[in-house]
Amino acid sequence: MKFTKITEILSKNVKKTVLYESECTNTAVINLQPGDSVPAHQHPNTDDIWVVVQGEGEFLGGKGVSLPMKAGTIIPNLKGEAHGIKNTGDEPLVVIAFSAPVPIETFPVD
């Protein structure tokens, strides 16, 4: 089984900035330009809570699930659940991600 870091699956124009990391938790800002996406993936041992603070886009779940999301949306991605993001708007999509526990193992989802 191949281990993948989230930074390896982010497209070139996506900016991820880690704001805080400890032995237990991680907080990052993900900034996606229009048309950019983070493909669906899952973390077998980590919950990943997303708060959309700017823009609009699609939540990409497993098995082709796609749901609209916009500023003000909170998305709890529990361990083992497929989750990804696509910016479908005309402005940057900014998401704050809270993850625990760390380290975060990431696996792609078909």
PDB file of N, CA and C in Angstrom:
ATOM      1  N   MET A   1       0.841  -1.172   0.000  1.00  0.00           N
ATOM      2  CA  MET A   1       0.000   0.000   0.000  1.00  0.00           C
ATOM      3  C   MET A   1       0.888   1.237   0.000  1.00  0.00           C
ATOM      4  N   LYS A   2       0.534   2.200  -0.832  1.00  0.00           N
ATOM      5  CA  LYS A   2       1.321   3.422  -0.940  1.00  0.00           C
ATOM      6  C   LYS A   2       0.747   4.504  -0.028  1.00  0.00           C
ATOM      7  N   PHE A   3       1.618   5.134   0.733  1.00  0.00           N
ATOM      8  CA  PHE A   3       1.224   6.264   1.561  1.00  0.00           C
ATOM      9  C   PHE A   3       1.372   7.533   0.737  1.00  0.00           C
ATOM     10  N   THR A   4       0.404   8.438   0.852  1.00  0.00           N
ATOM     11  CA  THR A   4       0.432   9.684   0.101  1.00  0.00           C
ATOM     12  C   THR A   4       0.207  10.845   1.049  1.00  0.00           C
ATOM     13  N   LYS A   5       1.019  11.871   0.936  1.00  0.00           N
ATOM     14  CA  LYS A   5       0.817  13.084   1.720  1.00  0.00           C
ATOM     15  C   LYS A   5      -0.143  13.992   0.971  1.00  0.00           C
ATOM     16  N   ILE A   6      -0.974  14.715   1.704  1.00  0.00           N
ATOM     17  CA  ILE A   6      -1.952  15.592   1.068  1.00  0.00           C
ATOM     18  C   ILE A   6      -1.280  16.577   0.120  1.00  0.00           C
ATOM     19  N   THR A   7      -0.093  17.042   0.454  1.00  0.00           N
ATOM     20  CA  THR A   7       0.588  18.003  -0.417  1.00  0.00           C
ATOM     21  C   THR A   7       0.939  17.395  -1.765  1.00  0.00           C
ATOM     22  N   GLU A   8       1.031  16.069  -1.838  1.00  0.00           N
ATOM     23  CA  GLU A   8       1.335  15.406  -3.101  1.00  0.00           C
ATOM     24  C   GLU A   8       0.127  15.326  -4.026  1.00  0.00           C
ATOM     25  N   ILE A   9      -1.095  15.445  -3.485  1.00  0.00           N
ATOM     26  CA  ILE A   9      -2.276  15.338  -4.333  1.00  0.00           C
ATOM     27  C   ILE A   9      -2.905  16.690  -4.644  1.00  0.00           C
ATOM     28  N   LEU A  10      -2.369  17.748  -4.068  1.00  0.00           N
ATOM     29  CA  LEU A  10      -2.888  19.078  -4.369  1.00  0.00           C
ATOM     30  C   LEU A  10      -2.389  19.517  -5.737  1.00  0.00           C
ATOM     31  N   SER A  11      -3.274  20.162  -6.521  1.00  0.00           N
ATOM     32  CA  SER A  11      -2.845  20.641  -7.840  1.00  0.00           C
ATOM     33  C   SER A  11      -1.865  21.798  -7.685  1.00  0.00           C
ATOM     34  N   LYS A  12      -1.159  22.131  -8.759  1.00  0.00           N
ATOM     35  CA  LYS A  12      -0.088  23.130  -8.698  1.00  0.00           C
ATOM     36  C   LYS A  12      -0.523  24.473  -8.131  1.00  0.00           C
ATOM     37  N   ASN A  13      -1.715  24.927  -8.469  1.00  0.00           N
ATOM     38  CA  ASN A  13      -2.154  26.256  -8.047  1.00  0.00           C
ATOM     39  C   ASN A  13      -2.781  26.274  -6.658  1.00  0.00           C
ATOM     40  N   VAL A  14      -2.875  25.120  -6.026  1.00  0.00           N
ATOM     41  CA  VAL A  14      -3.466  25.054  -4.696  1.00  0.00           C
ATOM     42  C   VAL A  14      -2.398  25.381  -3.666  1.00  0.00           C
ATOM     43  N   LYS A  15      -2.762  26.216  -2.723  1.00  0.00           N
ATOM     44  CA  LYS A  15      -1.823  26.583  -1.670  1.00  0.00           C
ATOM     45  C   LYS A  15      -2.349  26.045  -0.346  1.00  0.00           C
ATOM     46  N   LYS A  16      -1.526  25.254   0.324  1.00  0.00           N
ATOM     47  CA  LYS A  16      -1.870  24.758   1.657  1.00  0.00           C
ATOM     48  C   LYS A  16      -0.847  25.309   2.630  1.00  0.00           C
ATOM     49  N   THR A  17      -1.332  25.966   3.658  1.00  0.00           N
ATOM     50  CA  THR A  17      -0.461  26.541   4.670  1.00  0.00           C
ATOM     51  C   THR A  17      -0.820  25.960   6.029  1.00  0.00           C
ATOM     52  N   VAL A  18       0.123  25.306   6.679  1.00  0.00           N
ATOM     53  CA  VAL A  18      -0.109  24.780   8.022  1.00  0.00           C
ATOM     54  C   VAL A  18      -0.006  25.939   9.006  1.00  0.00           C
ATOM     55  N   LEU A  19      -1.087  26.151   9.744  1.00  0.00           N
ATOM     56  CA  LEU A  19      -1.109  27.220  10.744  1.00  0.00           C
ATOM     57  C   LEU A  19      -0.586  26.751  12.087  1.00  0.00           C
ATOM     58  N   TYR A  20      -0.876  25.501  12.418  1.00  0.00           N
ATOM     59  CA  TYR A  20      -0.523  24.972  13.730  1.00  0.00           C
ATOM     60  C   TYR A  20      -0.392  23.459  13.626  1.00  0.00           C
ATOM     61  N   GLU A  21       0.601  22.922  14.285  1.00  0.00           N
ATOM     62  CA  GLU A  21       0.733  21.473  14.357  1.00  0.00           C
ATOM     63  C   GLU A  21       1.360  21.108  15.691  1.00  0.00           C
ATOM     64  N   SER A  22       0.776  20.111  16.343  1.00  0.00           N
ATOM     65  CA  SER A  22       1.325  19.608  17.597  1.00  0.00           C
ATOM     66  C   SER A  22       1.416  18.090  17.490  1.00  0.00           C
ATOM     67  N   GLU A  23       1.693  17.443  18.592  1.00  0.00           N
ATOM     68  CA  GLU A  23       1.734  15.986  18.604  1.00  0.00           C
ATOM     69  C   GLU A  23       0.348  15.385  18.417  1.00  0.00           C
ATOM     70  N   CYS A  24      -0.704  16.204  18.616  1.00  0.00           N
ATOM     71  CA  CYS A  24      -2.078  15.695  18.580  1.00  0.00           C
ATOM     72  C   CYS A  24      -2.930  16.231  17.437  1.00  0.00           C
ATOM     73  N   THR A  25      -2.707  17.493  17.034  1.00  0.00           N
ATOM     74  CA  THR A  25      -3.600  18.128  16.065  1.00  0.00           C
ATOM     75  C   THR A  25      -2.837  18.896  14.997  1.00  0.00           C
ATOM     76  N   ASN A  26      -3.574  19.230  13.933  1.00  0.00           N
ATOM     77  CA  ASN A  26      -3.034  20.007  12.823  1.00  0.00           C
ATOM     78  C   ASN A  26      -4.130  20.947  12.340  1.00  0.00           C
ATOM     79  N   THR A  27      -3.781  22.184  12.059  1.00  0.00           N
ATOM     80  CA  THR A  27      -4.713  23.148  11.485  1.00  0.00           C
ATOM     81  C   THR A  27      -4.049  23.782  10.278  1.00  0.00           C
ATOM     82  N   ALA A  28      -4.768  23.782   9.148  1.00  0.00           N
ATOM     83  CA  ALA A  28      -4.202  24.312   7.907  1.00  0.00           C
ATOM     84  C   ALA A  28      -5.247  25.123   7.154  1.00  0.00           C
ATOM     85  N   VAL A  29      -4.768  26.018   6.292  1.00  0.00           N
ATOM     86  CA  VAL A  29      -5.629  26.754   5.372  1.00  0.00           C
ATOM     87  C   VAL A  29      -5.363  26.214   3.975  1.00  0.00           C
ATOM     88  N   ILE A  30      -6.437  25.872   3.276  1.00  0.00           N
ATOM     89  CA  ILE A  30      -6.332  25.416   1.892  1.00  0.00           C
ATOM     90  C   ILE A  30      -6.960  26.487   1.016  1.00  0.00           C
ATOM     91  N   ASN A  31      -6.206  26.981   0.033  1.00  0.00           N
ATOM     92  CA  ASN A  31      -6.646  28.062  -0.848  1.00  0.00           C
ATOM     93  C   ASN A  31      -6.658  27.537  -2.281  1.00  0.00           C
ATOM     94  N   LEU A  32      -7.842  27.342  -2.844  1.00  0.00           N
ATOM     95  CA  LEU A  32      -7.977  26.814  -4.200  1.00  0.00           C
ATOM     96  C   LEU A  32      -8.427  27.921  -5.143  1.00  0.00           C
ATOM     97  N   GLN A  33      -7.715  28.082  -6.230  1.00  0.00           N
ATOM     98  CA  GLN A  33      -8.104  29.044  -7.257  1.00  0.00           C
ATOM     99  C   GLN A  33      -9.254  28.453  -8.081  1.00  0.00           C
ATOM    100  N   PRO A  34     -10.017  29.293  -8.801  1.00  0.00           N
ATOM    101  CA  PRO A  34     -11.128  28.778  -9.614  1.00  0.00           C
ATOM    102  C   PRO A  34     -10.678  27.622 -10.515  1.00  0.00           C
ATOM    103  N   GLY A  35     -11.448  26.540 -10.475  1.00  0.00           N
ATOM    104  CA  GLY A  35     -11.145  25.360 -11.279  1.00  0.00           C
ATOM    105  C   GLY A  35     -10.233  24.349 -10.615  1.00  0.00           C
ATOM    106  N   ASP A  36      -9.530  24.732  -9.549  1.00  0.00           N
ATOM    107  CA  ASP A  36      -8.624  23.814  -8.859  1.00  0.00           C
ATOM    108  C   ASP A  36      -9.404  22.846  -7.975  1.00  0.00           C
ATOM    109  N   SER A  37      -8.765  21.729  -7.658  1.00  0.00           N
ATOM    110  CA  SER A  37      -9.425  20.745  -6.807  1.00  0.00           C
ATOM    111  C   SER A  37      -8.411  19.953  -5.993  1.00  0.00           C
ATOM    112  N   VAL A  38      -8.912  19.345  -4.940  1.00  0.00           N
ATOM    113  CA  VAL A  38      -8.192  18.347  -4.157  1.00  0.00           C
ATOM    114  C   VAL A  38      -8.980  17.058  -4.375  1.00  0.00           C
ATOM    115  N   PRO A  39      -8.407  16.060  -5.046  1.00  0.00           N
ATOM    116  CA  PRO A  39      -9.149  14.830  -5.344  1.00  0.00           C
ATOM    117  C   PRO A  39      -9.623  14.127  -4.072  1.00  0.00           C
ATOM    118  N   ALA A  40     -10.679  13.345  -4.212  1.00  0.00           N
ATOM    119  CA  ALA A  40     -11.199  12.589  -3.074  1.00  0.00           C
ATOM    120  C   ALA A  40     -10.107  11.682  -2.510  1.00  0.00           C
ATOM    121  N   HIS A  41     -10.018  11.672  -1.199  1.00  0.00           N
ATOM    122  CA  HIS A  41      -9.040  10.873  -0.477  1.00  0.00           C
ATOM    123  C   HIS A  41      -9.633  10.550   0.885  1.00  0.00           C
ATOM    124  N   GLN A  42      -8.933   9.756   1.671  1.00  0.00           N
ATOM    125  CA  GLN A  42      -9.407   9.460   3.029  1.00  0.00           C
ATOM    126  C   GLN A  42      -8.226   9.268   3.960  1.00  0.00           C
ATOM    127  N   HIS A  43      -8.516   9.475   5.236  1.00  0.00           N
ATOM    128  CA  HIS A  43      -7.522   9.304   6.300  1.00  0.00           C
ATOM    129  C   HIS A  43      -8.039   8.192   7.217  1.00  0.00           C
ATOM    130  N   PRO A  44      -7.371   7.036   7.278  1.00  0.00           N
ATOM    131  CA  PRO A  44      -7.901   5.922   8.054  1.00  0.00           C
ATOM    132  C   PRO A  44      -7.943   6.149   9.563  1.00  0.00           C
ATOM    133  N   ASN A  45      -7.129   7.063  10.076  1.00  0.00           N
ATOM    134  CA  ASN A  45      -7.065   7.257  11.530  1.00  0.00           C
ATOM    135  C   ASN A  45      -7.289   8.693  11.976  1.00  0.00           C
ATOM    136  N   THR A  46      -7.711   9.578  11.070  1.00  0.00           N
ATOM    137  CA  THR A  46      -7.795  11.003  11.392  1.00  0.00           C
ATOM    138  C   THR A  46      -9.134  11.589  10.971  1.00  0.00           C
ATOM    139  N   ASP A  47      -9.757  12.360  11.862  1.00  0.00           N
ATOM    140  CA  ASP A  47     -10.916  13.177  11.504  1.00  0.00           C
ATOM    141  C   ASP A  47     -10.395  14.478  10.914  1.00  0.00           C
ATOM    142  N   ASP A  48     -11.093  14.995   9.902  1.00  0.00           N
ATOM    143  CA  ASP A  48     -10.673  16.201   9.187  1.00  0.00           C
ATOM    144  C   ASP A  48     -11.902  17.107   9.074  1.00  0.00           C
ATOM    145  N   ILE A  49     -11.972  18.132   9.890  1.00  0.00           N
ATOM    146  CA  ILE A  49     -13.127  19.034   9.906  1.00  0.00           C
ATOM    147  C   ILE A  49     -12.806  20.258   9.067  1.00  0.00           C
ATOM    148  N   TRP A  50     -13.654  20.556   8.067  1.00  0.00           N
ATOM    149  CA  TRP A  50     -13.443  21.691   7.178  1.00  0.00           C
ATOM    150  C   TRP A  50     -14.436  22.797   7.474  1.00  0.00           C
ATOM    151  N   VAL A  51     -13.950  24.026   7.481  1.00  0.00           N
ATOM    152  CA  VAL A  51     -14.795  25.217   7.594  1.00  0.00           C
ATOM    153  C   VAL A  51     -14.517  26.071   6.364  1.00  0.00           C
ATOM    154  N   VAL A  52     -15.541  26.262   5.527  1.00  0.00           N
ATOM    155  CA  VAL A  52     -15.389  27.079   4.322  1.00  0.00           C
ATOM    156  C   VAL A  52     -15.537  28.540   4.733  1.00  0.00           C
ATOM    157  N   VAL A  53     -14.495  29.333   4.517  1.00  0.00           N
ATOM    158  CA  VAL A  53     -14.516  30.737   4.941  1.00  0.00           C
ATOM    159  C   VAL A  53     -14.667  31.712   3.778  1.00  0.00           C
ATOM    160  N   GLN A  54     -14.437  31.246   2.549  1.00  0.00           N
ATOM    161  CA  GLN A  54     -14.585  32.123   1.384  1.00  0.00           C
ATOM    162  C   GLN A  54     -14.862  31.288   0.148  1.00  0.00           C
ATOM    163  N   GLY A  55     -15.703  31.803  -0.732  1.00  0.00           N
ATOM    164  CA  GLY A  55     -15.934  31.176  -2.026  1.00  0.00           C
ATOM    165  C   GLY A  55     -17.001  30.107  -2.001  1.00  0.00           C
ATOM    166  N   GLU A  56     -17.061  29.375  -3.116  1.00  0.00           N
ATOM    167  CA  GLU A  56     -18.024  28.290  -3.248  1.00  0.00           C
ATOM    168  C   GLU A  56     -17.411  27.177  -4.081  1.00  0.00           C
ATOM    169  N   GLY A  57     -17.950  25.991  -3.894  1.00  0.00           N
ATOM    170  CA  GLY A  57     -17.412  24.861  -4.628  1.00  0.00           C
ATOM    171  C   GLY A  57     -18.240  23.625  -4.424  1.00  0.00           C
ATOM    172  N   GLU A  58     -17.615  22.481  -4.668  1.00  0.00           N
ATOM    173  CA  GLU A  58     -18.261  21.187  -4.510  1.00  0.00           C
ATOM    174  C   GLU A  58     -17.475  20.335  -3.528  1.00  0.00           C
ATOM    175  N   PHE A  59     -18.208  19.658  -2.657  1.00  0.00           N
ATOM    176  CA  PHE A  59     -17.633  18.622  -1.813  1.00  0.00           C
ATOM    177  C   PHE A  59     -17.628  17.348  -2.643  1.00  0.00           C
ATOM    178  N   LEU A  60     -16.482  16.697  -2.742  1.00  0.00           N
ATOM    179  CA  LEU A  60     -16.344  15.464  -3.514  1.00  0.00           C
ATOM    180  C   LEU A  60     -16.223  14.288  -2.561  1.00  0.00           C
ATOM    181  N   GLY A  61     -17.260  13.470  -2.504  1.00  0.00           N
ATOM    182  CA  GLY A  61     -17.247  12.304  -1.636  1.00  0.00           C
ATOM    183  C   GLY A  61     -16.936  11.049  -2.426  1.00  0.00           C
ATOM    184  N   GLY A  62     -17.025   9.929  -1.784  1.00  0.00           N
ATOM    185  CA  GLY A  62     -16.787   8.667  -2.459  1.00  0.00           C
ATOM    186  C   GLY A  62     -17.936   8.297  -3.380  1.00  0.00           C
ATOM    187  N   LYS A  63     -17.678   7.389  -4.301  1.00  0.00           N
ATOM    188  CA  LYS A  63     -18.683   6.866  -5.229  1.00  0.00           C
ATOM    189  C   LYS A  63     -19.356   7.965  -6.042  1.00  0.00           C
ATOM    190  N   GLY A  64     -18.606   9.011  -6.384  1.00  0.00           N
ATOM    191  CA  GLY A  64     -19.130  10.067  -7.244  1.00  0.00           C
ATOM    192  C   GLY A  64     -20.046  11.070  -6.577  1.00  0.00           C
ATOM    193  N   VAL A  65     -20.162  11.040  -5.263  1.00  0.00           N
ATOM    194  CA  VAL A  65     -21.008  12.003  -4.552  1.00  0.00           C
ATOM    195  C   VAL A  65     -20.421  13.397  -4.702  1.00  0.00           C
ATOM    196  N   SER A  66     -21.276  14.360  -5.033  1.00  0.00           N
ATOM    197  CA  SER A  66     -20.857  15.754  -5.172  1.00  0.00           C
ATOM    198  C   SER A  66     -21.947  16.636  -4.579  1.00  0.00           C
ATOM    199  N   LEU A  67     -21.578  17.468  -3.602  1.00  0.00           N
ATOM    200  CA  LEU A  67     -22.544  18.345  -2.939  1.00  0.00           C
ATOM    201  C   LEU A  67     -22.030  19.777  -2.954  1.00  0.00           C
ATOM    202  N   PRO A  68     -22.933  20.769  -3.139  1.00  0.00           N
ATOM    203  CA  PRO A  68     -22.485  22.164  -3.134  1.00  0.00           C
ATOM    204  C   PRO A  68     -22.062  22.603  -1.736  1.00  0.00           C
ATOM    205  N   MET A  69     -21.079  23.499  -1.691  1.00  0.00           N
ATOM    206  CA  MET A  69     -20.657  24.090  -0.423  1.00  0.00           C
ATOM    207  C   MET A  69     -20.254  25.531  -0.684  1.00  0.00           C
ATOM    208  N   LYS A  70     -20.380  26.365   0.352  1.00  0.00           N
ATOM    209  CA  LYS A  70     -20.022  27.776   0.218  1.00  0.00           C
ATOM    210  C   LYS A  70     -19.592  28.304   1.572  1.00  0.00           C
ATOM    211  N   ALA A  71     -19.145  29.560   1.582  1.00  0.00           N
ATOM    212  CA  ALA A  71     -18.698  30.187   2.833  1.00  0.00           C
ATOM    213  C   ALA A  71     -19.759  29.987   3.910  1.00  0.00           C
ATOM    214  N   GLY A  72     -19.303  29.586   5.090  1.00  0.00           N
ATOM    215  CA  GLY A  72     -20.196  29.333   6.206  1.00  0.00           C
ATOM    216  C   GLY A  72     -20.520  27.865   6.410  1.00  0.00           C
ATOM    217  N   THR A  73     -20.130  27.011   5.471  1.00  0.00           N
ATOM    218  CA  THR A  73     -20.392  25.575   5.566  1.00  0.00           C
ATOM    219  C   THR A  73     -19.322  24.900   6.425  1.00  0.00           C
ATOM    220  N   ILE A  74     -19.759  24.013   7.317  1.00  0.00           N
ATOM    221  CA  ILE A  74     -18.852  23.194   8.127  1.00  0.00           C
ATOM    222  C   ILE A  74     -19.052  21.747   7.699  1.00  0.00           C
ATOM    223  N   ILE A  75     -17.958  21.070   7.372  1.00  0.00           N
ATOM    224  CA  ILE A  75     -18.031  19.701   6.865  1.00  0.00           C
ATOM    225  C   ILE A  75     -17.174  18.790   7.738  1.00  0.00           C
ATOM    226  N   PRO A  76     -17.818  17.895   8.521  1.00  0.00           N
ATOM    227  CA  PRO A  76     -17.041  16.931   9.298  1.00  0.00           C
ATOM    228  C   PRO A  76     -16.708  15.708   8.446  1.00  0.00           C
ATOM    229  N   ASN A  77     -15.434  15.494   8.184  1.00  0.00           N
ATOM    230  CA  ASN A  77     -14.960  14.318   7.450  1.00  0.00           C
ATOM    231  C   ASN A  77     -14.358  13.365   8.474  1.00  0.00           C
ATOM    232  N   LEU A  78     -15.111  12.350   8.844  1.00  0.00           N
ATOM    233  CA  LEU A  78     -14.645  11.441   9.878  1.00  0.00           C
ATOM    234  C   LEU A  78     -13.654  10.434   9.310  1.00  0.00           C
ATOM    235  N   LYS A  79     -12.856   9.845  10.189  1.00  0.00           N
ATOM    236  CA  LYS A  79     -11.823   8.909   9.730  1.00  0.00           C
ATOM    237  C   LYS A  79     -12.435   7.851   8.818  1.00  0.00           C
ATOM    238  N   GLY A  80     -11.728   7.593   7.716  1.00  0.00           N
ATOM    239  CA  GLY A  80     -12.170   6.597   6.762  1.00  0.00           C
ATOM    240  C   GLY A  80     -13.161   7.082   5.717  1.00  0.00           C
ATOM    241  N   GLU A  81     -13.728   8.280   5.882  1.00  0.00           N
ATOM    242  CA  GLU A  81     -14.692   8.805   4.909  1.00  0.00           C
ATOM    243  C   GLU A  81     -13.971   9.520   3.768  1.00  0.00           C
ATOM    244  N   ALA A  82     -14.425   9.274   2.543  1.00  0.00           N
ATOM    245  CA  ALA A  82     -13.853   9.944   1.373  1.00  0.00           C
ATOM    246  C   ALA A  82     -14.256  11.414   1.371  1.00  0.00           C
ATOM    247  N   HIS A  83     -13.287  12.284   1.031  1.00  0.00           N
ATOM    248  CA  HIS A  83     -13.583  13.712   0.944  1.00  0.00           C
ATOM    249  C   HIS A  83     -12.581  14.400   0.024  1.00  0.00           C
ATOM    250  N   GLY A  84     -13.074  15.370  -0.724  1.00  0.00           N
ATOM    251  CA  GLY A  84     -12.260  16.179  -1.621  1.00  0.00           C
ATOM    252  C   GLY A  84     -12.997  17.484  -1.876  1.00  0.00           C
ATOM    253  N   ILE A  85     -12.366  18.410  -2.589  1.00  0.00           N
ATOM    254  CA  ILE A  85     -12.945  19.738  -2.829  1.00  0.00           C
ATOM    255  C   ILE A  85     -12.665  20.154  -4.265  1.00  0.00           C
ATOM    256  N   LYS A  86     -13.640  20.852  -4.855  1.00  0.00           N
ATOM    257  CA  LYS A  86     -13.410  21.492  -6.151  1.00  0.00           C
ATOM    258  C   LYS A  86     -13.950  22.915  -6.089  1.00  0.00           C
ATOM    259  N   ASN A  87     -13.139  23.886  -6.536  1.00  0.00           N
ATOM    260  CA  ASN A  87     -13.583  25.278  -6.597  1.00  0.00           C
ATOM    261  C   ASN A  87     -14.358  25.464  -7.894  1.00  0.00           C
ATOM    262  N   THR A  88     -15.667  25.700  -7.781  1.00  0.00           N
ATOM    263  CA  THR A  88     -16.520  25.913  -8.950  1.00  0.00           C
ATOM    264  C   THR A  88     -16.896  27.376  -9.121  1.00  0.00           C
ATOM    265  N   GLY A  89     -16.367  28.234  -8.262  1.00  0.00           N
ATOM    266  CA  GLY A  89     -16.717  29.652  -8.305  1.00  0.00           C
ATOM    267  C   GLY A  89     -15.735  30.482  -9.109  1.00  0.00           C
ATOM    268  N   ASP A  90     -15.911  31.803  -9.005  1.00  0.00           N
ATOM    269  CA  ASP A  90     -15.077  32.770  -9.727  1.00  0.00           C
ATOM    270  C   ASP A  90     -14.014  33.415  -8.850  1.00  0.00           C
ATOM    271  N   GLU A  91     -13.981  33.057  -7.573  1.00  0.00           N
ATOM    272  CA  GLU A  91     -13.004  33.611  -6.638  1.00  0.00           C
ATOM    273  C   GLU A  91     -12.321  32.461  -5.909  1.00  0.00           C
ATOM    274  N   PRO A  92     -11.235  32.738  -5.189  1.00  0.00           N
ATOM    275  CA  PRO A  92     -10.584  31.667  -4.434  1.00  0.00           C
ATOM    276  C   PRO A  92     -11.547  31.009  -3.440  1.00  0.00           C
ATOM    277  N   LEU A  93     -11.390  29.712  -3.270  1.00  0.00           N
ATOM    278  CA  LEU A  93     -12.124  28.947  -2.264  1.00  0.00           C
ATOM    279  C   LEU A  93     -11.151  28.705  -1.122  1.00  0.00           C
ATOM    280  N   VAL A  94     -11.492  29.219   0.056  1.00  0.00           N
ATOM    281  CA  VAL A  94     -10.598  29.122   1.211  1.00  0.00           C
ATOM    282  C   VAL A  94     -11.267  28.267   2.283  1.00  0.00           C
ATOM    283  N   VAL A  95     -10.563  27.232   2.697  1.00  0.00           N
ATOM    284  CA  VAL A  95     -11.070  26.282   3.678  1.00  0.00           C
ATOM    285  C   VAL A  95     -10.052  26.145   4.798  1.00  0.00           C
ATOM    286  N   ILE A  96     -10.534  26.198   6.044  1.00  0.00           N
ATOM    287  CA  ILE A  96      -9.677  25.897   7.191  1.00  0.00           C
ATOM    288  C   ILE A  96      -9.939  24.447   7.571  1.00  0.00           C
ATOM    289  N   ALA A  97      -8.864  23.665   7.683  1.00  0.00           N
ATOM    290  CA  ALA A  97      -8.969  22.240   8.004  1.00  0.00           C
ATOM    291  C   ALA A  97      -8.368  21.974   9.381  1.00  0.00           C
ATOM    292  N   PHE A  98      -9.166  21.342  10.242  1.00  0.00           N
ATOM    293  CA  PHE A  98      -8.731  20.937  11.576  1.00  0.00           C
ATOM    294  C   PHE A  98      -8.634  19.416  11.571  1.00  0.00           C
ATOM    295  N   SER A  99      -7.473  18.865  11.867  1.00  0.00           N
ATOM    296  CA  SER A  99      -7.266  17.423  11.776  1.00  0.00           C
ATOM    297  C   SER A  99      -6.700  16.870  13.075  1.00  0.00           C
ATOM    298  N   ALA A 100      -7.243  15.715  13.498  1.00  0.00           N
ATOM    299  CA  ALA A 100      -6.731  15.032  14.681  1.00  0.00           C
ATOM    300  C   ALA A 100      -7.163  13.570  14.615  1.00  0.00           C
ATOM    301  N   PRO A 101      -6.371  12.643  15.111  1.00  0.00           N
ATOM    302  CA  PRO A 101      -5.007  12.847  15.581  1.00  0.00           C
ATOM    303  C   PRO A 101      -4.023  12.890  14.416  1.00  0.00           C
ATOM    304  N   VAL A 102      -2.812  13.299  14.713  1.00  0.00           N
ATOM    305  CA  VAL A 102      -1.722  13.286  13.750  1.00  0.00           C
ATOM    306  C   VAL A 102      -0.735  12.200  14.186  1.00  0.00           C
ATOM    307  N   PRO A 103       0.099  11.677  13.324  1.00  0.00           N
ATOM    308  CA  PRO A 103       0.297  12.084  11.939  1.00  0.00           C
ATOM    309  C   PRO A 103      -0.887  11.686  11.062  1.00  0.00           C
ATOM    310  N   ILE A 104      -1.046  12.409   9.947  1.00  0.00           N
ATOM    311  CA  ILE A 104      -2.153  12.181   9.028  1.00  0.00           C
ATOM    312  C   ILE A 104      -1.683  11.277   7.894  1.00  0.00           C
ATOM    313  N   GLU A 105      -2.270  10.095   7.810  1.00  0.00           N
ATOM    314  CA  GLU A 105      -2.013   9.200   6.682  1.00  0.00           C
ATOM    315  C   GLU A 105      -3.098   9.465   5.648  1.00  0.00           C
ATOM    316  N   THR A 106      -2.718   9.585   4.375  1.00  0.00           N
ATOM    317  CA  THR A 106      -3.667   9.917   3.316  1.00  0.00           C
ATOM    318  C   THR A 106      -3.630   8.856   2.231  1.00  0.00           C
ATOM    319  N   PHE A 107      -4.810   8.404   1.829  1.00  0.00           N
ATOM    320  CA  PHE A 107      -4.937   7.417   0.768  1.00  0.00           C
ATOM    321  C   PHE A 107      -5.922   7.920  -0.274  1.00  0.00           C
ATOM    322  N   PRO A 108      -5.582   7.818  -1.567  1.00  0.00           N
ATOM    323  CA  PRO A 108      -6.517   8.230  -2.610  1.00  0.00           C
ATOM    324  C   PRO A 108      -7.749   7.332  -2.632  1.00  0.00           C
ATOM    325  N   VAL A 109      -8.846   7.872  -3.130  1.00  0.00           N
ATOM    326  CA  VAL A 109     -10.096   7.126  -3.270  1.00  0.00           C
ATOM    327  C   VAL A 109     -10.453   7.106  -4.742  1.00  0.00           C
ATOM    328  N   ASP A 110     -10.825   5.949  -5.238  1.00  0.00           N
ATOM    329  CA  ASP A 110     -11.211   5.841  -6.656  1.00  0.00           C
ATOM    330  C   ASP A 110     -12.581   6.431  -6.892  1.00  0.00           C
TER     331      ASP A 110
END
